[in-house]
Amino acid sequence: MTDLISLRGKVILVTGGTRGIGRAIARRLLEEEALVAICGRSQESVEQAVRELRSETGGKVEGKAADVRNHEQVADLFRFLDAKLEGLDVLVNNAGTGLFGAVRNLTLEQWRETIDTNLSGAFFCSREALFRFETKRSGHIVLISSLAGKHAFAGGAAYNASKFGLNGFTEALMQDVRSDGVRVSCVMPGSVATGFGGDEMTGAEWRIWPEDIAEIVVGILRMPPRTLVSSVEVRPSKPKK
């Protein structure tokens, strides 16, 4: 197909881009010659990731610490993006956290951190992105959700609630902006070998790899403008029994 979108020179922000799925997405986008910005909560981890990504790919990548739970920090992140890369073409809402436990054992702080990171953070970042997309009537927002947003499990009340909410937010956002030239896509992985939730990379022989999710994201972004991939479910081919 000759009408696939080239990502060369596209300005793309990946939240939570210092490790795991976000890091893999950032690296893959740099291989496509996109101009990439990443964020993470720690300035030290952001600076280290930027150095390593530049070394690995030779691409142009910038980074700034930002806690997506904090709207002011998100606004500062986007102003940094405006100054460093002069625009925005794609937002990948990847930042997330997983705190698990039975409802009676969850603390208020654990509940708030999970909901605020996984759901409010996506809202804050998407809102800032839309301010930049509306003038040019184009853009793409990709949200990294989870199959936990469709299938609840014991001990997952906070995480499930955040991801069910994120899926609903994504669908409504897509309906809000599709007529304005902005595409919205949701990727829902199952078990990924990232160390997320404290598994420390166990099960890499059967889990999805972060690089697999990165390849899916690139494929979504390269689809012709006439086509919107609204959601993708991703599962291990041979899950552990």
C-alpha atoms as a PDB file:
ATOM      1  CA  MET A   1       0.000   0.000   0.000  1.00  0.00           C
ATOM      2  CA  THR A   2       1.467   3.322  -1.046  1.00  0.00           C
ATOM      3  CA  ASP A   3      -0.874   5.468   1.038  1.00  0.00           C
ATOM      4  CA  LEU A   4       0.296   4.339   4.452  1.00  0.00           C
ATOM      5  CA  ILE A   5       1.213   7.317   6.625  1.00  0.00           C
ATOM      6  CA  SER A   6       4.913   7.937   7.113  1.00  0.00           C
ATOM      7  CA  LEU A   7       5.935   8.674  10.690  1.00  0.00           C
ATOM      8  CA  ARG A   8       9.133  10.405   9.629  1.00  0.00           C
ATOM      9  CA  GLY A   9       9.268  13.834  11.240  1.00  0.00           C
ATOM     10  CA  LYS A  10       6.017  13.340  13.152  1.00  0.00           C
ATOM     11  CA  VAL A  11       6.102  14.750  16.684  1.00  0.00           C
ATOM     12  CA  ILE A  12       4.960  12.055  19.094  1.00  0.00           C
ATOM     13  CA  LEU A  13       4.653  12.161  22.885  1.00  0.00           C
ATOM     14  CA  VAL A  14       4.779   8.862  24.785  1.00  0.00           C
ATOM     15  CA  THR A  15       3.813   9.140  28.445  1.00  0.00           C
ATOM     16  CA  GLY A  16       5.443   6.652  30.776  1.00  0.00           C
ATOM     17  CA  GLY A  17       8.153   6.250  28.168  1.00  0.00           C
ATOM     18  CA  THR A  18      11.091   5.439  30.426  1.00  0.00           C
ATOM     19  CA  ARG A  19      10.457   1.691  30.700  1.00  0.00           C
ATOM     20  CA  GLY A  20       8.275  -1.234  29.698  1.00  0.00           C
ATOM     21  CA  ILE A  21       5.712  -0.780  26.948  1.00  0.00           C
ATOM     22  CA  GLY A  22       6.268   2.977  26.742  1.00  0.00           C
ATOM     23  CA  ARG A  23      10.022   2.581  26.289  1.00  0.00           C
ATOM     24  CA  ALA A  24       9.489  -0.013  23.542  1.00  0.00           C
ATOM     25  CA  ILE A  25       6.993   2.248  21.766  1.00  0.00           C
ATOM     26  CA  ALA A  26       9.374   5.218  21.932  1.00  0.00           C
ATOM     27  CA  ARG A  27      12.244   3.155  20.536  1.00  0.00           C
ATOM     28  CA  ARG A  28      10.125   1.765  17.681  1.00  0.00           C
ATOM     29  CA  LEU A  29       8.877   5.250  16.767  1.00  0.00           C
ATOM     30  CA  LEU A  30      12.443   6.527  16.661  1.00  0.00           C
ATOM     31  CA  GLU A  31      13.268   3.706  14.243  1.00  0.00           C
ATOM     32  CA  GLU A  32      10.497   5.150  12.051  1.00  0.00           C
ATOM     33  CA  GLU A  33      12.334   8.518  12.258  1.00  0.00           C
ATOM     34  CA  ALA A  34       9.631  10.197  14.317  1.00  0.00           C
ATOM     35  CA  LEU A  35      10.539  13.036  16.692  1.00  0.00           C
ATOM     36  CA  VAL A  36       9.765  11.608  20.107  1.00  0.00           C
ATOM     37  CA  ALA A  37       9.224  13.052  23.567  1.00  0.00           C
ATOM     38  CA  ILE A  38       8.842  10.938  26.683  1.00  0.00           C
ATOM     39  CA  CYS A  39       7.932  11.574  30.298  1.00  0.00           C
ATOM     40  CA  GLY A  40       8.195   9.726  33.584  1.00  0.00           C
ATOM     41  CA  ARG A  41       7.874  10.665  37.222  1.00  0.00           C
ATOM     42  CA  SER A  42      11.612  10.884  37.892  1.00  0.00           C
ATOM     43  CA  GLN A  43      13.846  13.372  36.082  1.00  0.00           C
ATOM     44  CA  GLU A  44      16.778  11.014  36.597  1.00  0.00           C
ATOM     45  CA  SER A  45      14.977   8.106  34.933  1.00  0.00           C
ATOM     46  CA  VAL A  46      13.838  10.358  32.080  1.00  0.00           C
ATOM     47  CA  GLU A  47      17.348  11.651  31.423  1.00  0.00           C
ATOM     48  CA  GLN A  48      18.769   8.119  31.488  1.00  0.00           C
ATOM     49  CA  ALA A  49      16.097   6.834  29.092  1.00  0.00           C
ATOM     50  CA  VAL A  50      16.696   9.749  26.709  1.00  0.00           C
ATOM     51  CA  ARG A  51      20.442   9.086  26.664  1.00  0.00           C
ATOM     52  CA  GLU A  52      19.943   5.383  26.020  1.00  0.00           C
ATOM     53  CA  LEU A  53      17.315   5.870  23.325  1.00  0.00           C
ATOM     54  CA  ARG A  54      19.526   8.364  21.517  1.00  0.00           C
ATOM     55  CA  SER A  55      22.427   5.932  21.687  1.00  0.00           C
ATOM     56  CA  GLU A  56      20.348   2.956  20.542  1.00  0.00           C
ATOM     57  CA  THR A  57      18.595   4.645  17.624  1.00  0.00           C
ATOM     58  CA  GLY A  58      20.438   7.848  16.753  1.00  0.00           C
ATOM     59  CA  GLY A  59      17.042   9.517  16.733  1.00  0.00           C
ATOM     60  CA  LYS A  60      15.787  12.820  18.096  1.00  0.00           C
ATOM     61  CA  VAL A  61      14.201  12.306  21.513  1.00  0.00           C
ATOM     62  CA  GLU A  62      13.476  14.746  24.313  1.00  0.00           C
ATOM     63  CA  GLY A  63      12.202  14.122  27.818  1.00  0.00           C
ATOM     64  CA  LYS A  64      10.803  15.814  30.877  1.00  0.00           C
ATOM     65  CA  ALA A  65       9.682  14.571  34.272  1.00  0.00           C
ATOM     66  CA  ALA A  66       5.933  14.810  34.766  1.00  0.00           C
ATOM     67  CA  ASP A  67       3.429  13.056  37.008  1.00  0.00           C
ATOM     68  CA  VAL A  68       0.337  12.688  34.841  1.00  0.00           C
ATOM     69  CA  ARG A  69      -1.832  12.774  37.967  1.00  0.00           C
ATOM     70  CA  ASN A  70      -0.941  16.447  38.312  1.00  0.00           C
ATOM     71  CA  HIS A  71      -2.625  18.705  35.762  1.00  0.00           C
ATOM     72  CA  GLU A  72      -0.090  21.525  36.203  1.00  0.00           C
ATOM     73  CA  GLN A  73       2.797  19.161  35.541  1.00  0.00           C
ATOM     74  CA  VAL A  74       0.990  17.872  32.450  1.00  0.00           C
ATOM     75  CA  ALA A  75       0.484  21.443  31.202  1.00  0.00           C
ATOM     76  CA  ASP A  76       4.202  22.132  31.779  1.00  0.00           C
ATOM     77  CA  LEU A  77       5.070  18.963  29.852  1.00  0.00           C
ATOM     78  CA  PHE A  78       3.096  20.114  26.818  1.00  0.00           C
ATOM     79  CA  ARG A  79       4.638  23.588  26.967  1.00  0.00           C
ATOM     80  CA  PHE A  80       8.041  21.889  27.017  1.00  0.00           C
ATOM     81  CA  LEU A  81       6.951  19.915  23.964  1.00  0.00           C
ATOM     82  CA  ASP A  82       5.868  23.105  22.178  1.00  0.00           C
ATOM     83  CA  ALA A  83       9.247  24.685  22.822  1.00  0.00           C
ATOM     84  CA  LYS A  84      11.448  21.686  22.011  1.00  0.00           C
ATOM     85  CA  LEU A  85       9.636  20.074  19.094  1.00  0.00           C
ATOM     86  CA  GLU A  86       7.304  22.848  17.936  1.00  0.00           C
ATOM     87  CA  GLY A  87       4.054  20.952  17.770  1.00  0.00           C
ATOM     88  CA  LEU A  88       2.348  17.631  18.266  1.00  0.00           C
ATOM     89  CA  ASP A  89       1.027  15.056  15.823  1.00  0.00           C
ATOM     90  CA  VAL A  90       0.443  12.021  18.039  1.00  0.00           C
ATOM     91  CA  LEU A  91      -0.128  11.376  21.741  1.00  0.00           C
ATOM     92  CA  VAL A  92       0.424   7.890  23.137  1.00  0.00           C
ATOM     93  CA  ASN A  93      -1.220   7.733  26.552  1.00  0.00           C
ATOM     94  CA  ASN A  94       0.774   4.906  28.074  1.00  0.00           C
ATOM     95  CA  ALA A  95       1.526   6.003  31.664  1.00  0.00           C
ATOM     96  CA  GLY A  96      -0.091   3.614  34.108  1.00  0.00           C
ATOM     97  CA  THR A  97       0.184   1.878  37.426  1.00  0.00           C
ATOM     98  CA  GLY A  98      -1.181  -1.293  38.982  1.00  0.00           C
ATOM     99  CA  LEU A  99      -1.969  -1.608  42.683  1.00  0.00           C
ATOM    100  CA  PHE A 100      -3.850  -4.748  43.582  1.00  0.00           C
ATOM    101  CA  GLY A 101      -5.757  -6.067  46.560  1.00  0.00           C
ATOM    102  CA  ALA A 102      -9.199  -6.905  47.857  1.00  0.00           C
ATOM    103  CA  VAL A 103     -11.454  -3.875  48.247  1.00  0.00           C
ATOM    104  CA  ARG A 104     -11.420  -4.041  52.041  1.00  0.00           C
ATOM    105  CA  ASN A 105      -7.607  -3.980  51.997  1.00  0.00           C
ATOM    106  CA  LEU A 106      -7.108  -1.128  49.534  1.00  0.00           C
ATOM    107  CA  THR A 107      -6.061   2.143  51.096  1.00  0.00           C
ATOM    108  CA  LEU A 108      -7.511   5.453  49.944  1.00  0.00           C
ATOM    109  CA  GLU A 109      -4.078   6.389  48.649  1.00  0.00           C
ATOM    110  CA  GLN A 110      -3.833   3.212  46.540  1.00  0.00           C
ATOM    111  CA  TRP A 111      -7.279   3.803  45.071  1.00  0.00           C
ATOM    112  CA  ARG A 112      -6.530   7.429  44.233  1.00  0.00           C
ATOM    113  CA  GLU A 113      -3.110   6.686  42.745  1.00  0.00           C
ATOM    114  CA  THR A 114      -4.549   4.027  40.449  1.00  0.00           C
ATOM    115  CA  ILE A 115      -7.560   6.033  39.263  1.00  0.00           C
ATOM    116  CA  ASP A 116      -5.645   9.303  38.993  1.00  0.00           C
ATOM    117  CA  THR A 117      -2.761   7.776  37.023  1.00  0.00           C
ATOM    118  CA  ASN A 118      -4.631   5.452  34.696  1.00  0.00           C
ATOM    119  CA  LEU A 119      -7.751   7.525  34.066  1.00  0.00           C
ATOM    120  CA  SER A 120      -7.345  11.164  35.094  1.00  0.00           C
ATOM    121  CA  GLY A 121      -3.842  11.253  33.628  1.00  0.00           C
ATOM    122  CA  ALA A 122      -5.183  10.145  30.260  1.00  0.00           C
ATOM    123  CA  PHE A 123      -7.850  12.852  30.432  1.00  0.00           C
ATOM    124  CA  PHE A 124      -5.340  15.586  31.315  1.00  0.00           C
ATOM    125  CA  CYS A 125      -2.960  14.601  28.508  1.00  0.00           C
ATOM    126  CA  SER A 126      -5.683  14.082  25.901  1.00  0.00           C
ATOM    127  CA  ARG A 127      -7.198  17.470  26.699  1.00  0.00           C
ATOM    128  CA  GLU A 128      -3.852  19.211  26.222  1.00  0.00           C
ATOM    129  CA  ALA A 129      -3.285  17.336  22.971  1.00  0.00           C
ATOM    130  CA  LEU A 130      -6.685  18.361  21.618  1.00  0.00           C
ATOM    131  CA  PHE A 131      -5.864  22.026  22.181  1.00  0.00           C
ATOM    132  CA  ARG A 132      -2.981  21.496  19.724  1.00  0.00           C
ATOM    133  CA  PHE A 133      -4.915  19.334  17.265  1.00  0.00           C
ATOM    134  CA  GLU A 134      -7.963  21.562  16.892  1.00  0.00           C
ATOM    135  CA  THR A 135      -6.250  24.307  14.898  1.00  0.00           C
ATOM    136  CA  LYS A 136      -4.884  21.931  12.252  1.00  0.00           C
ATOM    137  CA  ARG A 137      -7.829  19.503  12.389  1.00  0.00           C
ATOM    138  CA  SER A 138      -5.614  16.453  12.530  1.00  0.00           C
ATOM    139  CA  GLY A 139      -3.900  14.279  15.112  1.00  0.00           C
ATOM    140  CA  HIS A 140      -4.000  10.837  16.647  1.00  0.00           C
ATOM    141  CA  ILE A 141      -4.395   9.740  20.266  1.00  0.00           C
ATOM    142  CA  VAL A 142      -3.518   6.158  21.185  1.00  0.00           C
ATOM    143  CA  LEU A 143      -4.446   4.934  24.637  1.00  0.00           C
ATOM    144  CA  ILE A 144      -2.759   1.870  26.103  1.00  0.00           C
ATOM    145  CA  SER A 145      -5.461   0.206  28.174  1.00  0.00           C
ATOM    146  CA  SER A 146      -5.786  -3.449  29.179  1.00  0.00           C
ATOM    147  CA  LEU A 147      -8.001  -6.487  28.840  1.00  0.00           C
ATOM    148  CA  ALA A 148      -8.599  -5.814  32.537  1.00  0.00           C
ATOM    149  CA  GLY A 149     -10.847  -3.053  31.212  1.00  0.00           C
ATOM    150  CA  LYS A 150     -13.195  -5.745  29.910  1.00  0.00           C
ATOM    151  CA  HIS A 151     -12.671  -8.629  32.307  1.00  0.00           C
ATOM    152  CA  ALA A 152     -12.678  -8.055  36.063  1.00  0.00           C
ATOM    153  CA  PHE A 153     -10.757 -10.280  38.453  1.00  0.00           C
ATOM    154  CA  ALA A 154     -10.501 -10.721  42.206  1.00  0.00           C
ATOM    155  CA  GLY A 155      -8.029  -8.279  43.726  1.00  0.00           C
ATOM    156  CA  GLY A 156      -8.257  -5.967  40.748  1.00  0.00           C
ATOM    157  CA  ALA A 157     -10.998  -3.554  41.854  1.00  0.00           C
ATOM    158  CA  ALA A 158      -8.948  -0.361  41.536  1.00  0.00           C
ATOM    159  CA  TYR A 159      -7.122  -1.458  38.395  1.00  0.00           C
ATOM    160  CA  ASN A 160     -10.271  -2.833  36.766  1.00  0.00           C
ATOM    161  CA  ALA A 161     -12.197   0.335  37.564  1.00  0.00           C
ATOM    162  CA  SER A 162      -9.461   2.511  36.052  1.00  0.00           C
ATOM    163  CA  LYS A 163      -9.247   0.458  32.870  1.00  0.00           C
ATOM    164  CA  PHE A 164     -13.009   0.001  32.435  1.00  0.00           C
ATOM    165  CA  GLY A 165     -13.187   3.778  32.804  1.00  0.00           C
ATOM    166  CA  LEU A 166     -10.341   4.294  30.351  1.00  0.00           C
ATOM    167  CA  ASN A 167     -12.070   2.174  27.733  1.00  0.00           C
ATOM    168  CA  GLY A 168     -15.257   4.173  28.148  1.00  0.00           C
ATOM    169  CA  PHE A 169     -13.340   7.427  28.012  1.00  0.00           C
ATOM    170  CA  THR A 170     -11.621   6.302  24.809  1.00  0.00           C
ATOM    171  CA  GLU A 171     -14.873   5.406  23.082  1.00  0.00           C
ATOM    172  CA  ALA A 172     -16.495   8.720  24.029  1.00  0.00           C
ATOM    173  CA  LEU A 173     -13.386  10.677  23.020  1.00  0.00           C
ATOM    174  CA  MET A 174     -13.368   8.968  19.641  1.00  0.00           C
ATOM    175  CA  GLN A 175     -16.984   9.986  19.081  1.00  0.00           C
ATOM    176  CA  ASP A 176     -16.200  13.546  20.189  1.00  0.00           C
ATOM    177  CA  VAL A 177     -13.412  14.193  17.707  1.00  0.00           C
ATOM    178  CA  ARG A 178     -13.643  11.825  14.753  1.00  0.00           C
ATOM    179  CA  SER A 179     -15.435  14.463  12.646  1.00  0.00           C
ATOM    180  CA  ASP A 180     -12.646  16.950  13.450  1.00  0.00           C
ATOM    181  CA  GLY A 181      -9.936  14.940  11.712  1.00  0.00           C
ATOM    182  CA  VAL A 182      -8.591  13.432  14.950  1.00  0.00           C
ATOM    183  CA  ARG A 183      -8.290   9.673  15.284  1.00  0.00           C
ATOM    184  CA  VAL A 184      -8.503   7.845  18.621  1.00  0.00           C
ATOM    185  CA  SER A 185      -7.363   4.263  19.143  1.00  0.00           C
ATOM    186  CA  CYS A 186      -7.235   1.918  22.122  1.00  0.00           C
ATOM    187  CA  VAL A 187      -4.835  -1.005  22.566  1.00  0.00           C
ATOM    188  CA  MET A 188      -5.801  -3.557  25.208  1.00  0.00           C
ATOM    189  CA  PRO A 189      -2.996  -6.011  26.011  1.00  0.00           C
ATOM    190  CA  GLY A 190      -3.279  -9.034  28.210  1.00  0.00           C
ATOM    191  CA  SER A 191      -0.217 -10.244  30.107  1.00  0.00           C
ATOM    192  CA  VAL A 192       2.926  -8.386  29.021  1.00  0.00           C
ATOM    193  CA  ALA A 193       6.449  -9.228  30.176  1.00  0.00           C
ATOM    194  CA  THR A 194       7.358  -5.864  31.699  1.00  0.00           C
ATOM    195  CA  GLY A 195       7.680  -6.444  35.432  1.00  0.00           C
ATOM    196  CA  PHE A 196       4.384  -4.559  35.843  1.00  0.00           C
ATOM    197  CA  GLY A 197       2.570  -5.397  39.058  1.00  0.00           C
ATOM    198  CA  GLY A 198       5.740  -6.811  40.612  1.00  0.00           C
ATOM    199  CA  ASP A 199       6.217  -9.888  38.419  1.00  0.00           C
ATOM    200  CA  GLU A 200       9.817  -8.877  37.614  1.00  0.00           C
ATOM    201  CA  MET A 201       9.731 -10.066  34.006  1.00  0.00           C
ATOM    202  CA  THR A 202       8.639 -13.593  34.899  1.00  0.00           C
ATOM    203  CA  GLY A 203       6.828 -15.527  32.230  1.00  0.00           C
ATOM    204  CA  ALA A 204       8.657 -13.917  29.304  1.00  0.00           C
ATOM    205  CA  GLU A 205       8.500 -17.258  27.494  1.00  0.00           C
ATOM    206  CA  TRP A 206       4.697 -17.070  27.215  1.00  0.00           C
ATOM    207  CA  ARG A 207       3.706 -13.445  27.775  1.00  0.00           C
ATOM    208  CA  ILE A 208       3.364 -10.715  25.154  1.00  0.00           C
ATOM    209  CA  TRP A 209       6.564  -8.674  24.781  1.00  0.00           C
ATOM    210  CA  PRO A 210       6.565  -4.864  24.938  1.00  0.00           C
ATOM    211  CA  GLU A 211       8.047  -4.808  21.434  1.00  0.00           C
ATOM    212  CA  ASP A 212       4.910  -6.572  20.155  1.00  0.00           C
ATOM    213  CA  ILE A 213       2.708  -3.779  21.490  1.00  0.00           C
ATOM    214  CA  ALA A 214       5.068  -1.204  19.989  1.00  0.00           C
ATOM    215  CA  GLU A 215       4.713  -2.851  16.567  1.00  0.00           C
ATOM    216  CA  ILE A 216       0.920  -2.727  16.873  1.00  0.00           C
ATOM    217  CA  VAL A 217       1.005   0.972  17.780  1.00  0.00           C
ATOM    218  CA  VAL A 218       3.178   1.760  14.746  1.00  0.00           C
ATOM    219  CA  GLY A 219       0.791  -0.194  12.539  1.00  0.00           C
ATOM    220  CA  ILE A 220      -2.192   1.749  13.857  1.00  0.00           C
ATOM    221  CA  LEU A 221      -0.479   5.097  13.317  1.00  0.00           C
ATOM    222  CA  ARG A 222       0.525   4.238   9.756  1.00  0.00           C
ATOM    223  CA  MET A 223      -2.989   3.354   8.596  1.00  0.00           C
ATOM    224  CA  PRO A 224      -4.336   5.602   5.814  1.00  0.00           C
ATOM    225  CA  PRO A 225      -6.376   8.614   6.999  1.00  0.00           C
ATOM    226  CA  ARG A 226      -9.561   6.988   5.695  1.00  0.00           C
ATOM    227  CA  THR A 227      -9.210   4.150   8.221  1.00  0.00           C
ATOM    228  CA  LEU A 228      -9.544   4.264  12.007  1.00  0.00           C
ATOM    229  CA  VAL A 229      -8.435   1.317  14.107  1.00  0.00           C
ATOM    230  CA  SER A 230     -10.593   2.079  17.118  1.00  0.00           C
ATOM    231  CA  SER A 231      -9.570  -0.809  19.377  1.00  0.00           C
ATOM    232  CA  VAL A 232      -7.264  -3.810  19.404  1.00  0.00           C
ATOM    233  CA  GLU A 233      -7.304  -6.717  21.855  1.00  0.00           C
ATOM    234  CA  VAL A 234      -3.977  -8.492  22.309  1.00  0.00           C
ATOM    235  CA  ARG A 235      -3.486 -11.823  24.069  1.00  0.00           C
ATOM    236  CA  PRO A 236      -0.637 -14.281  24.533  1.00  0.00           C
ATOM    237  CA  SER A 237      -0.912 -16.989  21.888  1.00  0.00           C
ATOM    238  CA  LYS A 238      -0.270 -19.771  24.391  1.00  0.00           C
ATOM    239  CA  PRO A 239      -1.027 -18.537  27.927  1.00  0.00           C
ATOM    240  CA  LYS A 240       0.285 -20.375  30.918  1.00  0.00           C
ATOM    241  CA  LYS A 241      -2.186 -23.017  32.120  1.00  0.00           C
END
